Amino acid sequence: RQETTELFIPTGERLGDKVIEINGITKSFDDKCLIDDFSALIPRGAIVGIIGGNGAGKSTLFKMITGNEEPDEGSIELGPTVKIAYTDQSRASLDGKKTVWEEISDSQDIIKIGKHEIATRAYVGR
């Protein structure tokens, strides 16, 4: 059986030249240094992949970029128009007592995605 699924992702706001600037960040837990003096400038239009083994610091770096974790040293600066949206891999922000529809829709019949209004039950059904 073949089916097609459609997911609408709205066009984002125009970004400036600087999306994310990372300056000399360091992060350790106990005696293990995960990230040591890391710097990067991520410009508009960049496609970035972060790879590494388990425990290498990938999730920690992402948590620092999203503001959920602070670097021990250094700084992370987001461009003025940057809005980060994500679902964490542990799904810690989800309420296990809610259905998928309730979680996505906040029990509303219509949600707004970008400039579009969509019936929440139809959106969840995609």
PDB file of N, CA and C in Angstrom:
ATOM      1  N   ARG A   1       0.844  -1.178   0.000  1.00  0.00           N
ATOM      2  CA  ARG A   1       0.000   0.000   0.000  1.00  0.00           C
ATOM      3  C   ARG A   1       0.886   1.237   0.000  1.00  0.00           C
ATOM      4  N   GLN A   2       0.631   2.128  -0.927  1.00  0.00           N
ATOM      5  CA  GLN A   2       1.379   3.375  -0.999  1.00  0.00           C
ATOM      6  C   GLN A   2       0.492   4.531  -0.596  1.00  0.00           C
ATOM      7  N   GLU A   3       1.040   5.403   0.237  1.00  0.00           N
ATOM      8  CA  GLU A   3       0.320   6.598   0.648  1.00  0.00           C
ATOM      9  C   GLU A   3       1.252   7.792   0.533  1.00  0.00           C
ATOM     10  N   THR A   4       0.663   8.939   0.391  1.00  0.00           N
ATOM     11  CA  THR A   4       1.427  10.176   0.346  1.00  0.00           C
ATOM     12  C   THR A   4       1.067  11.002   1.567  1.00  0.00           C
ATOM     13  N   THR A   5       2.068  11.563   2.202  1.00  0.00           N
ATOM     14  CA  THR A   5       1.846  12.419   3.353  1.00  0.00           C
ATOM     15  C   THR A   5       2.315  13.819   3.018  1.00  0.00           C
ATOM     16  N   GLU A   6       1.533  14.792   3.417  1.00  0.00           N
ATOM     17  CA  GLU A   6       1.878  16.185   3.171  1.00  0.00           C
ATOM     18  C   GLU A   6       2.052  16.888   4.503  1.00  0.00           C
ATOM     19  N   LEU A   7       3.156  17.577   4.654  1.00  0.00           N
ATOM     20  CA  LEU A   7       3.421  18.343   5.864  1.00  0.00           C
ATOM     21  C   LEU A   7       3.748  19.765   5.453  1.00  0.00           C
ATOM     22  N   PHE A   8       3.039  20.721   5.994  1.00  0.00           N
ATOM     23  CA  PHE A   8       3.235  22.118   5.632  1.00  0.00           C
ATOM     24  C   PHE A   8       4.232  22.760   6.576  1.00  0.00           C
ATOM     25  N   ILE A   9       5.309  23.299   6.029  1.00  0.00           N
ATOM     26  CA  ILE A   9       6.289  24.051   6.805  1.00  0.00           C
ATOM     27  C   ILE A   9       6.314  25.459   6.219  1.00  0.00           C
ATOM     28  N   PRO A  10       5.905  26.453   6.995  1.00  0.00           N
ATOM     29  CA  PRO A  10       5.823  27.809   6.452  1.00  0.00           C
ATOM     30  C   PRO A  10       7.202  28.403   6.197  1.00  0.00           C
ATOM     31  N   THR A  11       7.245  29.356   5.293  1.00  0.00           N
ATOM     32  CA  THR A  11       8.470  30.090   5.028  1.00  0.00           C
ATOM     33  C   THR A  11       8.807  30.923   6.251  1.00  0.00           C
ATOM     34  N   GLY A  12      10.044  30.850   6.685  1.00  0.00           N
ATOM     35  CA  GLY A  12      10.466  31.598   7.865  1.00  0.00           C
ATOM     36  C   GLY A  12      10.759  33.052   7.546  1.00  0.00           C
ATOM     37  N   GLU A  13      10.972  33.822   8.604  1.00  0.00           N
ATOM     38  CA  GLU A  13      11.346  35.220   8.427  1.00  0.00           C
ATOM     39  C   GLU A  13      12.723  35.299   7.781  1.00  0.00           C
ATOM     40  N   ARG A  14      12.991  36.412   7.143  1.00  0.00           N
ATOM     41  CA  ARG A  14      14.303  36.618   6.539  1.00  0.00           C
ATOM     42  C   ARG A  14      15.341  36.714   7.655  1.00  0.00           C
ATOM     43  N   LEU A  15      16.413  35.946   7.497  1.00  0.00           N
ATOM     44  CA  LEU A  15      17.484  35.954   8.487  1.00  0.00           C
ATOM     45  C   LEU A  15      18.545  36.966   8.093  1.00  0.00           C
ATOM     46  N   GLY A  16      19.246  37.485   9.077  1.00  0.00           N
ATOM     47  CA  GLY A  16      20.388  38.342   8.804  1.00  0.00           C
ATOM     48  C   GLY A  16      21.572  37.491   8.364  1.00  0.00           C
ATOM     49  N   ASP A  17      22.723  38.114   8.188  1.00  0.00           N
ATOM     50  CA  ASP A  17      23.908  37.374   7.753  1.00  0.00           C
ATOM     51  C   ASP A  17      24.402  36.414   8.828  1.00  0.00           C
ATOM     52  N   LYS A  18      24.255  36.805  10.091  1.00  0.00           N
ATOM     53  CA  LYS A  18      24.696  35.945  11.185  1.00  0.00           C
ATOM     54  C   LYS A  18      23.483  35.230  11.766  1.00  0.00           C
ATOM     55  N   VAL A  19      23.506  33.907  11.739  1.00  0.00           N
ATOM     56  CA  VAL A  19      22.428  33.129  12.332  1.00  0.00           C
ATOM     57  C   VAL A  19      22.834  32.707  13.739  1.00  0.00           C
ATOM     58  N   ILE A  20      23.977  32.030  13.852  1.00  0.00           N
ATOM     59  CA  ILE A  20      24.505  31.615  15.154  1.00  0.00           C
ATOM     60  C   ILE A  20      26.005  31.873  15.165  1.00  0.00           C
ATOM     61  N   GLU A  21      26.477  32.529  16.219  1.00  0.00           N
ATOM     62  CA  GLU A  21      27.910  32.742  16.401  1.00  0.00           C
ATOM     63  C   GLU A  21      28.323  32.116  17.732  1.00  0.00           C
ATOM     64  N   ILE A  22      29.249  31.176  17.662  1.00  0.00           N
ATOM     65  CA  ILE A  22      29.743  30.464  18.841  1.00  0.00           C
ATOM     66  C   ILE A  22      31.194  30.891  19.047  1.00  0.00           C
ATOM     67  N   ASN A  23      31.495  31.396  20.233  1.00  0.00           N
ATOM     68  CA  ASN A  23      32.830  31.931  20.515  1.00  0.00           C
ATOM     69  C   ASN A  23      33.491  31.219  21.686  1.00  0.00           C
ATOM     70  N   GLY A  24      34.434  30.340  21.400  1.00  0.00           N
ATOM     71  CA  GLY A  24      35.288  29.723  22.410  1.00  0.00           C
ATOM     72  C   GLY A  24      34.567  29.022  23.540  1.00  0.00           C
ATOM     73  N   ILE A  25      33.513  28.266  23.211  1.00  0.00           N
ATOM     74  CA  ILE A  25      32.777  27.609  24.303  1.00  0.00           C
ATOM     75  C   ILE A  25      33.498  26.354  24.785  1.00  0.00           C
ATOM     76  N   THR A  26      33.371  26.129  26.074  1.00  0.00           N
ATOM     77  CA  THR A  26      33.908  24.944  26.735  1.00  0.00           C
ATOM     78  C   THR A  26      32.811  24.412  27.639  1.00  0.00           C
ATOM     79  N   LYS A  27      32.675  23.094  27.685  1.00  0.00           N
ATOM     80  CA  LYS A  27      31.683  22.475  28.568  1.00  0.00           C
ATOM     81  C   LYS A  27      32.229  21.163  29.091  1.00  0.00           C
ATOM     82  N   SER A  28      32.194  21.014  30.415  1.00  0.00           N
ATOM     83  CA  SER A  28      32.643  19.786  31.077  1.00  0.00           C
ATOM     84  C   SER A  28      31.578  19.323  32.050  1.00  0.00           C
ATOM     85  N   PHE A  29      31.552  18.029  32.271  1.00  0.00           N
ATOM     86  CA  PHE A  29      30.730  17.433  33.316  1.00  0.00           C
ATOM     87  C   PHE A  29      31.664  16.608  34.183  1.00  0.00           C
ATOM     88  N   ASP A  30      31.694  16.931  35.469  1.00  0.00           N
ATOM     89  CA  ASP A  30      32.640  16.308  36.396  1.00  0.00           C
ATOM     90  C   ASP A  30      34.045  16.472  35.831  1.00  0.00           C
ATOM     91  N   ASP A  31      34.753  15.391  35.576  1.00  0.00           N
ATOM     92  CA  ASP A  31      36.123  15.498  35.066  1.00  0.00           C
ATOM     93  C   ASP A  31      36.204  15.265  33.558  1.00  0.00           C
ATOM     94  N   LYS A  32      35.054  15.166  32.865  1.00  0.00           N
ATOM     95  CA  LYS A  32      35.054  14.896  31.429  1.00  0.00           C
ATOM     96  C   LYS A  32      34.751  16.176  30.649  1.00  0.00           C
ATOM     97  N   CYS A  33      35.712  16.591  29.830  1.00  0.00           N
ATOM     98  CA  CYS A  33      35.530  17.762  28.971  1.00  0.00           C
ATOM     99  C   CYS A  33      34.899  17.303  27.660  1.00  0.00           C
ATOM    100  N   LEU A  34      33.686  17.763  27.392  1.00  0.00           N
ATOM    101  CA  LEU A  34      32.988  17.390  26.161  1.00  0.00           C
ATOM    102  C   LEU A  34      33.309  18.334  25.013  1.00  0.00           C
ATOM    103  N   ILE A  35      33.374  19.616  25.309  1.00  0.00           N
ATOM    104  CA  ILE A  35      33.603  20.629  24.283  1.00  0.00           C
ATOM    105  C   ILE A  35      34.689  21.556  24.806  1.00  0.00           C
ATOM    106  N   ASP A  36      35.741  21.756  24.008  1.00  0.00           N
ATOM    107  CA  ASP A  36      36.889  22.537  24.463  1.00  0.00           C
ATOM    108  C   ASP A  36      37.223  23.642  23.464  1.00  0.00           C
ATOM    109  N   ASP A  37      36.957  24.879  23.838  1.00  0.00           N
ATOM    110  CA  ASP A  37      37.310  26.059  23.052  1.00  0.00           C
ATOM    111  C   ASP A  37      36.796  25.966  21.611  1.00  0.00           C
ATOM    112  N   PHE A  38      35.498  25.695  21.463  1.00  0.00           N
ATOM    113  CA  PHE A  38      34.875  25.538  20.146  1.00  0.00           C
ATOM    114  C   PHE A  38      34.297  26.867  19.686  1.00  0.00           C
ATOM    115  N   SER A  39      34.605  27.223  18.445  1.00  0.00           N
ATOM    116  CA  SER A  39      34.062  28.440  17.837  1.00  0.00           C
ATOM    117  C   SER A  39      33.511  28.115  16.457  1.00  0.00           C
ATOM    118  N   ALA A  40      32.441  28.792  16.074  1.00  0.00           N
ATOM    119  CA  ALA A  40      31.865  28.612  14.739  1.00  0.00           C
ATOM    120  C   ALA A  40      30.964  29.797  14.431  1.00  0.00           C
ATOM    121  N   LEU A  41      30.887  30.136  13.159  1.00  0.00           N
ATOM    122  CA  LEU A  41      29.944  31.144  12.686  1.00  0.00           C
ATOM    123  C   LEU A  41      29.058  30.458  11.662  1.00  0.00           C
ATOM    124  N   ILE A  42      27.775  30.389  11.947  1.00  0.00           N
ATOM    125  CA  ILE A  42      26.831  29.736  11.043  1.00  0.00           C
ATOM    126  C   ILE A  42      26.063  30.839  10.323  1.00  0.00           C
ATOM    127  N   PRO A  43      26.319  31.004   9.022  1.00  0.00           N
ATOM    128  CA  PRO A  43      25.670  32.074   8.271  1.00  0.00           C
ATOM    129  C   PRO A  43      24.305  31.651   7.733  1.00  0.00           C
ATOM    130  N   ARG A  44      23.570  32.607   7.239  1.00  0.00           N
ATOM    131  CA  ARG A  44      22.287  32.359   6.589  1.00  0.00           C
ATOM    132  C   ARG A  44      22.493  31.368   5.442  1.00  0.00           C
ATOM    133  N   GLY A  45      21.604  30.408   5.306  1.00  0.00           N
ATOM    134  CA  GLY A  45      21.658  29.440   4.215  1.00  0.00           C
ATOM    135  C   GLY A  45      22.556  28.249   4.468  1.00  0.00           C
ATOM    136  N   ALA A  46      23.259  28.232   5.585  1.00  0.00           N
ATOM    137  CA  ALA A  46      24.169  27.120   5.875  1.00  0.00           C
ATOM    138  C   ALA A  46      23.381  25.865   6.221  1.00  0.00           C
ATOM    139  N   ILE A  47      23.915  24.738   5.829  1.00  0.00           N
ATOM    140  CA  ILE A  47      23.382  23.440   6.232  1.00  0.00           C
ATOM    141  C   ILE A  47      24.477  22.795   7.062  1.00  0.00           C
ATOM    142  N   VAL A  48      24.170  22.508   8.312  1.00  0.00           N
ATOM    143  CA  VAL A  48      25.181  22.042   9.246  1.00  0.00           C
ATOM    144  C   VAL A  48      24.784  20.686   9.797  1.00  0.00           C
ATOM    145  N   GLY A  49      25.733  19.776   9.837  1.00  0.00           N
ATOM    146  CA  GLY A  49      25.532  18.485  10.481  1.00  0.00           C
ATOM    147  C   GLY A  49      26.527  18.344  11.610  1.00  0.00           C
ATOM    148  N   ILE A  50      26.088  17.804  12.715  1.00  0.00           N
ATOM    149  CA  ILE A  50      26.978  17.566  13.851  1.00  0.00           C
ATOM    150  C   ILE A  50      27.015  16.064  14.067  1.00  0.00           C
ATOM    151  N   ILE A  51      28.188  15.479  13.899  1.00  0.00           N
ATOM    152  CA  ILE A  51      28.316  14.031  14.032  1.00  0.00           C
ATOM    153  C   ILE A  51      29.332  13.702  15.113  1.00  0.00           C
ATOM    154  N   GLY A  52      29.177  12.533  15.695  1.00  0.00           N
ATOM    155  CA  GLY A  52      30.104  12.077  16.723  1.00  0.00           C
ATOM    156  C   GLY A  52      29.507  10.900  17.456  1.00  0.00           C
ATOM    157  N   GLY A  53      30.334  10.209  18.162  1.00  0.00           N
ATOM    158  CA  GLY A  53      29.903   9.039  18.916  1.00  0.00           C
ATOM    159  C   GLY A  53      29.054   9.409  20.115  1.00  0.00           C
ATOM    160  N   ASN A  54      28.511   8.395  20.760  1.00  0.00           N
ATOM    161  CA  ASN A  54      27.735   8.605  21.981  1.00  0.00           C
ATOM    162  C   ASN A  54      28.616   9.281  23.024  1.00  0.00           C
ATOM    163  N   GLY A  55      28.081  10.290  23.677  1.00  0.00           N
ATOM    164  CA  GLY A  55      28.821  10.982  24.724  1.00  0.00           C
ATOM    165  C   GLY A  55      29.822  12.002  24.222  1.00  0.00           C
ATOM    166  N   ALA A  56      29.816  12.291  22.921  1.00  0.00           N
ATOM    167  CA  ALA A  56      30.795  13.231  22.355  1.00  0.00           C
ATOM    168  C   ALA A  56      30.437  14.694  22.611  1.00  0.00           C
ATOM    169  N   GLY A  57      29.177  14.974  22.951  1.00  0.00           N
ATOM    170  CA  GLY A  57      28.773  16.346  23.238  1.00  0.00           C
ATOM    171  C   GLY A  57      27.809  16.959  22.237  1.00  0.00           C
ATOM    172  N   LYS A  58      27.278  16.159  21.314  1.00  0.00           N
ATOM    173  CA  LYS A  58      26.350  16.685  20.298  1.00  0.00           C
ATOM    174  C   LYS A  58      25.098  17.276  20.942  1.00  0.00           C
ATOM    175  N   SER A  59      24.466  16.514  21.795  1.00  0.00           N
ATOM    176  CA  SER A  59      23.236  16.996  22.452  1.00  0.00           C
ATOM    177  C   SER A  59      23.539  18.161  23.379  1.00  0.00           C
ATOM    178  N   THR A  60      24.678  18.121  24.041  1.00  0.00           N
ATOM    179  CA  THR A  60      25.067  19.217  24.929  1.00  0.00           C
ATOM    180  C   THR A  60      25.256  20.501  24.135  1.00  0.00           C
ATOM    181  N   LEU A  61      25.894  20.416  22.977  1.00  0.00           N
ATOM    182  CA  LEU A  61      26.062  21.588  22.119  1.00  0.00           C
ATOM    183  C   LEU A  61      24.697  22.139  21.713  1.00  0.00           C
ATOM    184  N   PHE A  62      23.798  21.264  21.304  1.00  0.00           N
ATOM    185  CA  PHE A  62      22.461  21.709  20.902  1.00  0.00           C
ATOM    186  C   PHE A  62      21.726  22.353  22.078  1.00  0.00           C
ATOM    187  N   LYS A  63      21.857  21.781  23.266  1.00  0.00           N
ATOM    188  CA  LYS A  63      21.215  22.371  24.450  1.00  0.00           C
ATOM    189  C   LYS A  63      21.763  23.761  24.744  1.00  0.00           C
ATOM    190  N   MET A  64      23.061  23.952  24.501  1.00  0.00           N
ATOM    191  CA  MET A  64      23.639  25.279  24.720  1.00  0.00           C
ATOM    192  C   MET A  64      23.138  26.267  23.666  1.00  0.00           C
ATOM    193  N   ILE A  65      23.026  25.835  22.420  1.00  0.00           N
ATOM    194  CA  ILE A  65      22.525  26.714  21.357  1.00  0.00           C
ATOM    195  C   ILE A  65      21.083  27.130  21.646  1.00  0.00           C
ATOM    196  N   THR A  66      20.272  26.215  22.171  1.00  0.00           N
ATOM    197  CA  THR A  66      18.867  26.518  22.461  1.00  0.00           C
ATOM    198  C   THR A  66      18.671  27.242  23.794  1.00  0.00           C
ATOM    199  N   GLY A  67      19.742  27.399  24.562  1.00  0.00           N
ATOM    200  CA  GLY A  67      19.647  28.098  25.839  1.00  0.00           C
ATOM    201  C   GLY A  67      19.236  27.227  27.001  1.00  0.00           C
ATOM    202  N   ASN A  68      19.164  25.918  26.798  1.00  0.00           N
ATOM    203  CA  ASN A  68      18.786  25.006  27.876  1.00  0.00           C
ATOM    204  C   ASN A  68      19.971  24.573  28.731  1.00  0.00           C
ATOM    205  N   GLU A  69      21.156  24.946  28.323  1.00  0.00           N
ATOM    206  CA  GLU A  69      22.389  24.623  29.052  1.00  0.00           C
ATOM    207  C   GLU A  69      23.333  25.799  28.833  1.00  0.00           C
ATOM    208  N   GLU A  70      24.132  26.137  29.825  1.00  0.00           N
ATOM    209  CA  GLU A  70      25.089  27.233  29.707  1.00  0.00           C
ATOM    210  C   GLU A  70      26.491  26.677  29.495  1.00  0.00           C
ATOM    211  N   PRO A  71      27.286  27.304  28.625  1.00  0.00           N
ATOM    212  CA  PRO A  71      28.680  26.880  28.512  1.00  0.00           C
ATOM    213  C   PRO A  71      29.449  27.269  29.777  1.00  0.00           C
ATOM    214  N   ASP A  72      30.486  26.497  30.101  1.00  0.00           N
ATOM    215  CA  ASP A  72      31.342  26.859  31.233  1.00  0.00           C
ATOM    216  C   ASP A  72      32.138  28.116  30.904  1.00  0.00           C
ATOM    217  N   GLU A  73      32.558  28.223  29.658  1.00  0.00           N
ATOM    218  CA  GLU A  73      33.290  29.390  29.166  1.00  0.00           C
ATOM    219  C   GLU A  73      32.793  29.715  27.767  1.00  0.00           C
ATOM    220  N   GLY A  74      33.012  30.940  27.335  1.00  0.00           N
ATOM    221  CA  GLY A  74      32.648  31.339  25.984  1.00  0.00           C
ATOM    222  C   GLY A  74      31.209  31.826  25.895  1.00  0.00           C
ATOM    223  N   SER A  75      30.780  32.073  24.652  1.00  0.00           N
ATOM    224  CA  SER A  75      29.435  32.618  24.452  1.00  0.00           C
ATOM    225  C   SER A  75      28.811  32.084  23.170  1.00  0.00           C
ATOM    226  N   ILE A  76      27.491  32.112  23.152  1.00  0.00           N
ATOM    227  CA  ILE A  76      26.714  31.742  21.970  1.00  0.00           C
ATOM    228  C   ILE A  76      25.733  32.875  21.724  1.00  0.00           C
ATOM    229  N   GLU A  77      25.769  33.413  20.516  1.00  0.00           N
ATOM    230  CA  GLU A  77      24.904  34.529  20.172  1.00  0.00           C
ATOM    231  C   GLU A  77      24.067  34.163  18.951  1.00  0.00           C
ATOM    232  N   LEU A  78      22.756  34.322  19.085  1.00  0.00           N
ATOM    233  CA  LEU A  78      21.840  34.091  17.969  1.00  0.00           C
ATOM    234  C   LEU A  78      21.558  35.412  17.276  1.00  0.00           C
ATOM    235  N   GLY A  79      21.378  35.361  15.961  1.00  0.00           N
ATOM    236  CA  GLY A  79      21.011  36.554  15.211  1.00  0.00           C
ATOM    237  C   GLY A  79      19.680  37.104  15.700  1.00  0.00           C
ATOM    238  N   PRO A  80      19.418  38.390  15.481  1.00  0.00           N
ATOM    239  CA  PRO A  80      18.224  39.031  16.035  1.00  0.00           C
ATOM    240  C   PRO A  80      16.896  38.476  15.529  1.00  0.00           C
ATOM    241  N   THR A  81      16.865  37.839  14.367  1.00  0.00           N
ATOM    242  CA  THR A  81      15.602  37.306  13.844  1.00  0.00           C
ATOM    243  C   THR A  81      15.491  35.794  13.996  1.00  0.00           C
ATOM    244  N   VAL A  82      16.465  35.171  14.649  1.00  0.00           N
ATOM    245  CA  VAL A  82      16.479  33.709  14.775  1.00  0.00           C
ATOM    246  C   VAL A  82      15.469  33.264  15.827  1.00  0.00           C
ATOM    247  N   LYS A  83      14.643  32.297  15.444  1.00  0.00           N
ATOM    248  CA  LYS A  83      13.703  31.654  16.369  1.00  0.00           C
ATOM    249  C   LYS A  83      13.948  30.160  16.251  1.00  0.00           C
ATOM    250  N   ILE A  84      14.342  29.530  17.332  1.00  0.00           N
ATOM    251  CA  ILE A  84      14.650  28.106  17.300  1.00  0.00           C
ATOM    252  C   ILE A  84      13.419  27.317  17.730  1.00  0.00           C
ATOM    253  N   ALA A  85      13.083  26.308  16.943  1.00  0.00           N
ATOM    254  CA  ALA A  85      11.984  25.397  17.270  1.00  0.00           C
ATOM    255  C   ALA A  85      12.509  23.980  17.130  1.00  0.00           C
ATOM    256  N   TYR A  86      12.179  23.126  18.072  1.00  0.00           N
ATOM    257  CA  TYR A  86      12.686  21.757  18.039  1.00  0.00           C
ATOM    258  C   TYR A  86      11.853  20.870  18.957  1.00  0.00           C
ATOM    259  N   THR A  87      11.999  19.579  18.788  1.00  0.00           N
ATOM    260  CA  THR A  87      11.479  18.593  19.729  1.00  0.00           C
ATOM    261  C   THR A  87      12.670  17.801  20.217  1.00  0.00           C
ATOM    262  N   ASP A  88      12.894  17.799  21.516  1.00  0.00           N
ATOM    263  CA  ASP A  88      14.074  17.110  22.027  1.00  0.00           C
ATOM    264  C   ASP A  88      13.911  15.597  21.923  1.00  0.00           C
ATOM    265  N   GLN A  89      15.036  14.892  21.831  1.00  0.00           N
ATOM    266  CA  GLN A  89      14.997  13.457  21.587  1.00  0.00           C
ATOM    267  C   GLN A  89      14.386  12.670  22.738  1.00  0.00           C
ATOM    268  N   SER A  90      14.380  13.230  23.931  1.00  0.00           N
ATOM    269  CA  SER A  90      13.785  12.511  25.059  1.00  0.00           C
ATOM    270  C   SER A  90      12.300  12.814  25.197  1.00  0.00           C
ATOM    271  N   ARG A  91      11.818  13.783  24.417  1.00  0.00           N
ATOM    272  CA  ARG A  91      10.412  14.201  24.439  1.00  0.00           C
ATOM    273  C   ARG A  91       9.969  14.657  25.835  1.00  0.00           C
ATOM    274  N   ALA A  92      10.921  15.213  26.594  1.00  0.00           N
ATOM    275  CA  ALA A  92      10.652  15.620  27.973  1.00  0.00           C
ATOM    276  C   ALA A  92       9.567  16.682  28.073  1.00  0.00           C
ATOM    277  N   SER A  93       9.388  17.472  27.028  1.00  0.00           N
ATOM    278  CA  SER A  93       8.399  18.546  27.087  1.00  0.00           C
ATOM    279  C   SER A  93       6.979  18.065  26.797  1.00  0.00           C
ATOM    280  N   LEU A  94       6.823  16.810  26.393  1.00  0.00           N
ATOM    281  CA  LEU A  94       5.495  16.288  26.072  1.00  0.00           C
ATOM    282  C   LEU A  94       4.784  15.794  27.326  1.00  0.00           C
ATOM    283  N   ASP A  95       3.475  15.977  27.360  1.00  0.00           N
ATOM    284  CA  ASP A  95       2.643  15.504  28.464  1.00  0.00           C
ATOM    285  C   ASP A  95       2.130  14.115  28.112  1.00  0.00           C
ATOM    286  N   GLY A  96       2.580  13.108  28.823  1.00  0.00           N
ATOM    287  CA  GLY A  96       2.214  11.721  28.549  1.00  0.00           C
ATOM    288  C   GLY A  96       0.743  11.410  28.746  1.00  0.00           C
ATOM    289  N   LYS A  97       0.008  12.309  29.390  1.00  0.00           N
ATOM    290  CA  LYS A  97      -1.424  12.090  29.614  1.00  0.00           C
ATOM    291  C   LYS A  97      -2.278  12.620  28.460  1.00  0.00           C
ATOM    292  N   LYS A  98      -1.655  13.350  27.543  1.00  0.00           N
ATOM    293  CA  LYS A  98      -2.398  13.924  26.420  1.00  0.00           C
ATOM    294  C   LYS A  98      -2.287  13.036  25.190  1.00  0.00           C
ATOM    295  N   THR A  99      -3.316  13.113  24.337  1.00  0.00           N
ATOM    296  CA  THR A  99      -3.252  12.438  23.039  1.00  0.00           C
ATOM    297  C   THR A  99      -2.358  13.275  22.114  1.00  0.00           C
ATOM    298  N   VAL A 100      -1.991  12.713  20.975  1.00  0.00           N
ATOM    299  CA  VAL A 100      -1.190  13.455  19.998  1.00  0.00           C
ATOM    300  C   VAL A 100      -1.938  14.723  19.592  1.00  0.00           C
ATOM    301  N   TRP A 101      -3.234  14.598  19.324  1.00  0.00           N
ATOM    302  CA  TRP A 101      -4.025  15.761  18.930  1.00  0.00           C
ATOM    303  C   TRP A 101      -4.005  16.836  20.020  1.00  0.00           C
ATOM    304  N   GLU A 102      -4.212  16.458  21.275  1.00  0.00           N
ATOM    305  CA  GLU A 102      -4.219  17.434  22.365  1.00  0.00           C
ATOM    306  C   GLU A 102      -2.865  18.132  22.501  1.00  0.00           C
ATOM    307  N   GLU A 103      -1.796  17.369  22.348  1.00  0.00           N
ATOM    308  CA  GLU A 103      -0.449  17.940  22.488  1.00  0.00           C
ATOM    309  C   GLU A 103      -0.154  18.950  21.377  1.00  0.00           C
ATOM    310  N   ILE A 104      -0.498  18.604  20.152  1.00  0.00           N
ATOM    311  CA  ILE A 104      -0.214  19.480  19.013  1.00  0.00           C
ATOM    312  C   ILE A 104      -1.153  20.676  18.974  1.00  0.00           C
ATOM    313  N   SER A 105      -2.429  20.447  19.254  1.00  0.00           N
ATOM    314  CA  SER A 105      -3.440  21.494  19.065  1.00  0.00           C
ATOM    315  C   SER A 105      -3.710  22.335  20.299  1.00  0.00           C
ATOM    316  N   ASP A 106      -3.254  21.881  21.462  1.00  0.00           N
ATOM    317  CA  ASP A 106      -3.616  22.523  22.727  1.00  0.00           C
ATOM    318  C   ASP A 106      -5.136  22.586  22.856  1.00  0.00           C
ATOM    319  N   SER A 107      -5.787  21.532  22.343  1.00  0.00           N
ATOM    320  CA  SER A 107      -7.243  21.351  22.363  1.00  0.00           C
ATOM    321  C   SER A 107      -8.005  22.414  21.564  1.00  0.00           C
ATOM    322  N   GLN A 108      -7.342  23.063  20.623  1.00  0.00           N
ATOM    323  CA  GLN A 108      -7.984  24.043  19.750  1.00  0.00           C
ATOM    324  C   GLN A 108      -8.385  23.364  18.442  1.00  0.00           C
ATOM    325  N   ASP A 109      -9.456  23.834  17.814  1.00  0.00           N
ATOM    326  CA  ASP A 109      -9.903  23.259  16.545  1.00  0.00           C
ATOM    327  C   ASP A 109      -9.077  23.751  15.358  1.00  0.00           C
ATOM    328  N   ILE A 110      -8.522  24.946  15.485  1.00  0.00           N
ATOM    329  CA  ILE A 110      -7.740  25.560  14.406  1.00  0.00           C
ATOM    330  C   ILE A 110      -6.391  25.987  14.976  1.00  0.00           C
ATOM    331  N   ILE A 111      -5.314  25.720  14.214  1.00  0.00           N
ATOM    332  CA  ILE A 111      -4.004  26.244  14.590  1.00  0.00           C
ATOM    333  C   ILE A 111      -3.480  27.096  13.443  1.00  0.00           C
ATOM    334  N   LYS A 112      -2.617  28.030  13.778  1.00  0.00           N
ATOM    335  CA  LYS A 112      -2.017  28.894  12.770  1.00  0.00           C
ATOM    336  C   LYS A 112      -0.569  28.469  12.584  1.00  0.00           C
ATOM    337  N   ILE A 113      -0.214  28.156  11.340  1.00  0.00           N
ATOM    338  CA  ILE A 113       1.155  27.789  10.997  1.00  0.00           C
ATOM    339  C   ILE A 113       1.612  28.801   9.962  1.00  0.00           C
ATOM    340  N   GLY A 114       2.515  29.659  10.366  1.00  0.00           N
ATOM    341  CA  GLY A 114       2.893  30.762   9.489  1.00  0.00           C
ATOM    342  C   GLY A 114       1.686  31.654   9.292  1.00  0.00           C
ATOM    343  N   LYS A 115       1.297  31.869   8.041  1.00  0.00           N
ATOM    344  CA  LYS A 115       0.127  32.696   7.732  1.00  0.00           C
ATOM    345  C   LYS A 115      -1.110  31.859   7.454  1.00  0.00           C
ATOM    346  N   HIS A 116      -1.001  30.549   7.604  1.00  0.00           N
ATOM    347  CA  HIS A 116      -2.097  29.646   7.266  1.00  0.00           C
ATOM    348  C   HIS A 116      -2.808  29.147   8.521  1.00  0.00           C
ATOM    349  N   GLU A 117      -4.133  29.058   8.427  1.00  0.00           N
ATOM    350  CA  GLU A 117      -4.924  28.437   9.485  1.00  0.00           C
ATOM    351  C   GLU A 117      -5.338  27.059   9.007  1.00  0.00           C
ATOM    352  N   ILE A 118      -5.155  26.060   9.863  1.00  0.00           N
ATOM    353  CA  ILE A 118      -5.407  24.670   9.488  1.00  0.00           C
ATOM    354  C   ILE A 118      -6.235  24.010  10.583  1.00  0.00           C
ATOM    355  N   ALA A 119      -7.209  23.201  10.172  1.00  0.00           N
ATOM    356  CA  ALA A 119      -7.982  22.416  11.142  1.00  0.00           C
ATOM    357  C   ALA A 119      -7.024  21.431  11.806  1.00  0.00           C
ATOM    358  N   THR A 120      -6.995  21.437  13.121  1.00  0.00           N
ATOM    359  CA  THR A 120      -6.001  20.626  13.834  1.00  0.00           C
ATOM    360  C   THR A 120      -6.175  19.129  13.605  1.00  0.00           C
ATOM    361  N   ARG A 121      -7.394  18.658  13.529  1.00  0.00           N
ATOM    362  CA  ARG A 121      -7.590  17.214  13.315  1.00  0.00           C
ATOM    363  C   ARG A 121      -7.099  16.793  11.933  1.00  0.00           C
ATOM    364  N   ALA A 122      -7.291  17.645  10.932  1.00  0.00           N
ATOM    365  CA  ALA A 122      -6.779  17.348   9.590  1.00  0.00           C
ATOM    366  C   ALA A 122      -5.256  17.381   9.586  1.00  0.00           C
ATOM    367  N   TYR A 123      -4.668  18.330  10.305  1.00  0.00           N
ATOM    368  CA  TYR A 123      -3.209  18.449  10.360  1.00  0.00           C
ATOM    369  C   TYR A 123      -2.587  17.224  11.031  1.00  0.00           C
ATOM    370  N   VAL A 124      -3.165  16.801  12.146  1.00  0.00           N
ATOM    371  CA  VAL A 124      -2.646  15.621  12.856  1.00  0.00           C
ATOM    372  C   VAL A 124      -2.804  14.375  12.001  1.00  0.00           C
ATOM    373  N   GLY A 125      -3.866  14.323  11.197  1.00  0.00           N
ATOM    374  CA  GLY A 125      -4.110  13.161  10.343  1.00  0.00           C
ATOM    375  C   GLY A 125      -3.147  13.032   9.181  1.00  0.00           C
ATOM    376  N   ARG A 126      -2.381  14.074   8.886  1.00  0.00           N
ATOM    377  CA  ARG A 126      -1.436  14.029   7.773  1.00  0.00           C
ATOM    378  C   ARG A 126      -0.320  13.149   8.165  1.00  0.00           C
TER     379      ARG A 126
END
